Protein backbone atom coordinates (compact mmCIF):
# COMPACT_ATOMS: atom_id res chain seq x y z
CA MET A 1 -9.60 7.56 11.80
CA PRO A 2 -7.85 9.54 9.04
CA LYS A 3 -9.41 9.90 5.63
CA GLY A 4 -7.87 8.97 2.31
CA PRO A 5 -7.76 11.18 -0.79
CA LYS A 6 -11.36 10.38 -1.70
CA GLY A 7 -12.75 10.51 1.84
CA GLU A 8 -12.35 6.80 2.59
CA LYS A 9 -11.39 5.77 6.10
CA ARG A 10 -7.90 4.35 6.57
CA HIS A 11 -5.89 3.26 9.60
CA ALA A 12 -3.52 5.81 11.10
CA ASP A 13 -0.93 3.12 11.85
CA THR A 14 1.34 2.39 8.88
CA VAL A 15 1.45 -1.36 9.51
CA GLN A 16 -2.33 -1.67 9.87
CA ASN A 17 -2.79 0.37 6.70
CA ALA A 18 -0.32 -1.87 4.81
CA VAL A 19 -2.17 -4.99 6.00
CA LEU A 20 -5.49 -3.51 4.87
CA ILE A 21 -4.07 -2.65 1.43
CA GLY A 22 -2.68 -6.18 1.13
CA ARG A 23 -6.08 -7.65 2.00
CA ILE A 24 -7.76 -5.43 -0.58
CA ALA A 25 -5.18 -6.49 -3.21
CA THR A 26 -5.69 -10.21 -2.51
CA GLY A 27 -9.46 -9.89 -2.44
CA GLU A 28 -9.96 -10.79 1.24
CA VAL A 29 -11.59 -7.43 1.91
CA GLU A 30 -13.62 -5.38 -0.55
CA ASP A 31 -12.54 -1.78 -0.98
CA ARG A 32 -15.29 0.70 -0.15
CA HIS A 33 -15.62 3.40 -2.77
CA SER A 34 -16.32 7.03 -2.05
CA LYS A 35 -19.92 8.15 -1.65
CA ALA A 36 -19.36 11.01 -4.10
CA PRO A 37 -17.46 9.57 -7.09
CA ASN A 38 -18.42 12.39 -9.46
CA ARG A 39 -16.85 15.25 -7.49
CA ALA A 40 -14.04 15.87 -9.98
CA LYS A 41 -16.47 15.72 -12.89
CA GLY A 42 -18.68 18.35 -11.27
CA GLY A 43 -15.70 20.60 -10.61
CA LYS A 44 -14.62 20.45 -14.24
CA ILE A 45 -18.13 21.34 -15.41
CA GLY A 46 -18.33 24.25 -12.97
CA GLY A 47 -14.93 25.60 -13.98
CA LYS A 48 -15.85 25.56 -17.65
CA ALA A 49 -19.15 27.33 -16.99
CA ARG A 50 -17.41 29.98 -14.90
CA SER A 51 -14.76 30.62 -17.55
CA GLU A 52 -17.44 31.05 -20.22
CA LYS A 53 -19.29 33.52 -18.01
CA LEU A 54 -16.25 35.73 -17.29
CA SER A 55 -15.18 38.42 -19.69
CA PRO A 56 -11.58 38.43 -20.94
CA ALA A 57 -10.86 41.49 -18.77
CA ASP A 58 -12.14 39.66 -15.67
CA ARG A 59 -9.95 36.66 -16.46
CA VAL A 60 -6.90 38.91 -16.85
CA GLU A 61 -7.62 40.53 -13.49
CA ILE A 62 -7.99 37.13 -11.78
CA ALA A 63 -4.72 35.96 -13.36
CA ARG A 64 -2.94 39.13 -12.18
CA LYS A 65 -4.17 38.62 -8.62
CA ALA A 66 -3.04 35.00 -8.66
CA ALA A 67 0.40 35.89 -10.03
CA HIS A 68 0.77 38.65 -7.46
CA LYS A 69 -0.06 36.22 -4.62
CA ARG A 70 2.45 33.68 -5.96
CA TRP A 71 5.29 36.21 -6.11
CA GLU A 72 4.33 38.17 -2.98
CA SER A 73 6.42 36.28 -0.45
């Protein structure tokens, strides 16, 4: 069964998925939430800590590599 954007299981068939979403909207079925709801929060904290740890020269080098990869093709 395919996974949704937050790891939740959804039907592969479009009609079955639409029926499930309708049932969730009307309250017939309760929507199961992700087991890891704080993933985005943790990523933001980690990114901030990493940026504070890097020197300005390191950040410039990382930005150059990223720009080079974007324009490479």
